[in-house]
Amino acid sequence: MKKTLLTLLIVCAGCSSTNYNYEVHLKYDDGEGTMHLYNGADYADAMSYIKEYEKSHGDMVLIKTEK
């Protein structure tokens, strides 16, 4: 029983530690798709990029993907 619980704990811990990439994409004016601009180190980095460049670049979107 202890081995089963330990195995289950290890499997669940591996699933919960998934890392993500945060990509910033520029929206096209016609609303048809996006263009990749920047890979953020983390969520806060990607959001600061959007806030810093939104006035000069236009509408941007944050896309969260698994590593």
N, C-alpha and C. Protein backbone atom coordinates (compact mmCIF):
# COMPACT_ATOMS: atom_id res chain seq x y z
N MET A 1 0.83 -1.19 0.00
CA MET A 1 0.00 0.00 0.00
C MET A 1 0.87 1.25 0.00
N LYS A 2 1.96 1.25 0.80
CA LYS A 2 2.82 2.42 0.86
C LYS A 2 3.50 2.68 -0.48
N LYS A 3 3.89 1.60 -1.17
CA LYS A 3 4.53 1.76 -2.48
C LYS A 3 3.56 2.36 -3.49
N THR A 4 2.30 1.94 -3.44
CA THR A 4 1.29 2.46 -4.35
C THR A 4 1.06 3.95 -4.11
N LEU A 5 0.95 4.35 -2.86
CA LEU A 5 0.76 5.76 -2.55
C LEU A 5 1.97 6.60 -2.94
N LEU A 6 3.16 6.08 -2.70
CA LEU A 6 4.37 6.80 -3.06
C LEU A 6 4.47 6.97 -4.58
N THR A 7 4.14 5.93 -5.32
CA THR A 7 4.15 6.00 -6.79
C THR A 7 3.13 7.02 -7.29
N LEU A 8 1.95 7.00 -6.73
CA LEU A 8 0.91 7.95 -7.11
C LEU A 8 1.33 9.38 -6.80
N LEU A 9 1.96 9.59 -5.67
CA LEU A 9 2.43 10.92 -5.29
C LEU A 9 3.49 11.43 -6.27
N ILE A 10 4.41 10.59 -6.66
CA ILE A 10 5.46 10.99 -7.60
C ILE A 10 4.87 11.32 -8.97
N VAL A 11 3.93 10.52 -9.44
CA VAL A 11 3.30 10.78 -10.73
C VAL A 11 2.54 12.09 -10.69
N CYS A 12 1.79 12.33 -9.64
CA CYS A 12 1.02 13.58 -9.52
C CYS A 12 1.93 14.79 -9.40
N ALA A 13 3.02 14.67 -8.70
CA ALA A 13 3.97 15.77 -8.55
C ALA A 13 4.59 16.12 -9.90
N GLY A 14 4.87 15.13 -10.71
CA GLY A 14 5.41 15.38 -12.05
C GLY A 14 4.43 16.09 -12.94
N CYS A 15 3.17 15.76 -12.82
CA CYS A 15 2.14 16.40 -13.65
C CYS A 15 1.89 17.84 -13.23
N SER A 16 2.01 18.14 -11.97
CA SER A 16 1.69 19.48 -11.50
C SER A 16 2.83 20.46 -11.68
N SER A 17 4.01 20.00 -12.05
CA SER A 17 5.14 20.90 -12.20
C SER A 17 5.41 21.24 -13.67
N THR A 18 4.37 21.26 -14.49
CA THR A 18 4.52 21.58 -15.90
C THR A 18 4.95 23.03 -16.05
N ASN A 19 5.95 23.25 -16.87
CA ASN A 19 6.42 24.60 -17.14
C ASN A 19 5.77 25.12 -18.42
N TYR A 20 5.64 26.42 -18.50
CA TYR A 20 4.99 27.04 -19.65
C TYR A 20 5.89 28.07 -20.28
N ASN A 21 5.68 28.29 -21.58
CA ASN A 21 6.26 29.40 -22.31
C ASN A 21 5.19 30.47 -22.43
N TYR A 22 5.57 31.71 -22.31
CA TYR A 22 4.64 32.82 -22.50
C TYR A 22 5.09 33.59 -23.72
N GLU A 23 4.32 33.48 -24.80
CA GLU A 23 4.64 34.12 -26.06
C GLU A 23 3.75 35.33 -26.28
N VAL A 24 4.37 36.41 -26.75
CA VAL A 24 3.62 37.62 -27.08
C VAL A 24 3.48 37.65 -28.60
N HIS A 25 2.25 37.80 -29.07
CA HIS A 25 1.96 37.84 -30.49
C HIS A 25 1.28 39.17 -30.83
N LEU A 26 1.62 39.72 -31.98
CA LEU A 26 1.00 40.93 -32.50
C LEU A 26 -0.22 40.55 -33.32
N LYS A 27 -1.35 41.20 -33.03
CA LYS A 27 -2.57 40.92 -33.80
C LYS A 27 -2.52 41.71 -35.10
N TYR A 28 -2.94 41.06 -36.20
CA TYR A 28 -3.03 41.75 -37.49
C TYR A 28 -4.23 42.68 -37.48
N ASP A 29 -4.16 43.76 -38.27
CA ASP A 29 -5.23 44.76 -38.31
C ASP A 29 -6.55 44.19 -38.80
N ASP A 30 -6.48 43.23 -39.72
CA ASP A 30 -7.72 42.67 -40.27
C ASP A 30 -8.35 41.61 -39.37
N GLY A 31 -7.69 41.31 -38.23
CA GLY A 31 -8.23 40.33 -37.30
C GLY A 31 -7.99 38.89 -37.70
N GLU A 32 -7.21 38.67 -38.74
CA GLU A 32 -6.95 37.33 -39.26
C GLU A 32 -5.58 36.83 -38.80
N GLY A 33 -5.46 36.39 -37.55
CA GLY A 33 -4.24 35.77 -37.08
C GLY A 33 -3.32 36.70 -36.31
N THR A 34 -2.14 36.17 -35.99
CA THR A 34 -1.15 36.89 -35.20
C THR A 34 0.25 36.61 -35.72
N MET A 35 1.22 37.42 -35.26
CA MET A 35 2.62 37.22 -35.60
C MET A 35 3.42 37.18 -34.30
N HIS A 36 4.28 36.19 -34.15
CA HIS A 36 5.08 36.02 -32.93
C HIS A 36 6.09 37.16 -32.81
N LEU A 37 6.18 37.75 -31.60
CA LEU A 37 7.12 38.83 -31.36
C LEU A 37 8.17 38.51 -30.31
N TYR A 38 7.76 37.87 -29.21
CA TYR A 38 8.63 37.80 -28.04
C TYR A 38 8.30 36.58 -27.20
N ASN A 39 9.34 35.95 -26.63
CA ASN A 39 9.16 34.88 -25.64
C ASN A 39 9.51 35.44 -24.27
N GLY A 40 8.54 35.47 -23.38
CA GLY A 40 8.78 35.96 -22.03
C GLY A 40 9.41 34.89 -21.16
N ALA A 41 10.25 35.31 -20.23
CA ALA A 41 10.87 34.38 -19.28
C ALA A 41 9.81 33.79 -18.36
N ASP A 42 8.79 34.59 -18.05
CA ASP A 42 7.67 34.15 -17.22
C ASP A 42 6.49 35.06 -17.54
N TYR A 43 5.38 34.85 -16.84
CA TYR A 43 4.16 35.62 -17.10
C TYR A 43 4.38 37.11 -16.89
N ALA A 44 5.05 37.49 -15.80
CA ALA A 44 5.27 38.90 -15.50
C ALA A 44 6.13 39.57 -16.56
N ASP A 45 7.14 38.86 -17.06
CA ASP A 45 8.01 39.41 -18.10
C ASP A 45 7.23 39.66 -19.39
N ALA A 46 6.41 38.70 -19.78
CA ALA A 46 5.61 38.85 -21.00
C ALA A 46 4.61 40.00 -20.86
N MET A 47 3.99 40.13 -19.70
CA MET A 47 3.04 41.22 -19.49
C MET A 47 3.72 42.58 -19.49
N SER A 48 4.93 42.66 -18.94
CA SER A 48 5.64 43.95 -18.95
C SER A 48 6.03 44.32 -20.38
N TYR A 49 6.37 43.33 -21.21
CA TYR A 49 6.67 43.59 -22.62
C TYR A 49 5.43 44.18 -23.31
N ILE A 50 4.28 43.56 -23.07
CA ILE A 50 3.04 44.06 -23.68
C ILE A 50 2.76 45.49 -23.25
N LYS A 51 2.88 45.78 -21.97
CA LYS A 51 2.60 47.12 -21.47
C LYS A 51 3.58 48.15 -22.02
N GLU A 52 4.85 47.74 -22.18
CA GLU A 52 5.87 48.68 -22.66
C GLU A 52 5.72 49.02 -24.14
N TYR A 53 5.33 48.03 -24.96
CA TYR A 53 5.32 48.22 -26.40
C TYR A 53 3.93 48.32 -27.02
N GLU A 54 2.88 48.30 -26.23
CA GLU A 54 1.53 48.30 -26.80
C GLU A 54 1.23 49.58 -27.58
N LYS A 55 1.72 50.72 -27.11
CA LYS A 55 1.44 51.98 -27.81
C LYS A 55 2.11 52.03 -29.18
N SER A 56 3.34 51.54 -29.28
CA SER A 56 4.05 51.61 -30.56
C SER A 56 3.72 50.45 -31.49
N HIS A 57 3.38 49.28 -30.96
CA HIS A 57 3.15 48.11 -31.79
C HIS A 57 1.67 47.86 -32.09
N GLY A 58 0.78 48.28 -31.21
CA GLY A 58 -0.64 48.00 -31.39
C GLY A 58 -1.10 46.86 -30.50
N ASP A 59 -2.22 46.27 -30.86
CA ASP A 59 -2.80 45.20 -30.04
C ASP A 59 -1.93 43.95 -30.05
N MET A 60 -1.68 43.43 -28.85
CA MET A 60 -0.90 42.20 -28.70
C MET A 60 -1.69 41.23 -27.84
N VAL A 61 -1.35 39.95 -27.97
CA VAL A 61 -2.03 38.91 -27.20
C VAL A 61 -0.97 38.01 -26.57
N LEU A 62 -1.26 37.52 -25.37
CA LEU A 62 -0.37 36.62 -24.66
C LEU A 62 -0.86 35.19 -24.87
N ILE A 63 0.03 34.31 -25.32
CA ILE A 63 -0.32 32.91 -25.56
C ILE A 63 0.53 32.04 -24.65
N LYS A 64 -0.13 31.22 -23.84
CA LYS A 64 0.54 30.31 -22.90
C LYS A 64 0.63 28.94 -23.54
N THR A 65 1.86 28.42 -23.69
CA THR A 65 2.07 27.11 -24.26
C THR A 65 2.92 26.27 -23.34
N GLU A 66 2.77 24.96 -23.41
CA GLU A 66 3.59 24.06 -22.59
C GLU A 66 4.98 23.93 -23.21
N LYS A 67 5.99 23.81 -22.34
CA LYS A 67 7.36 23.63 -22.82
C LYS A 67 7.55 22.25 -23.36
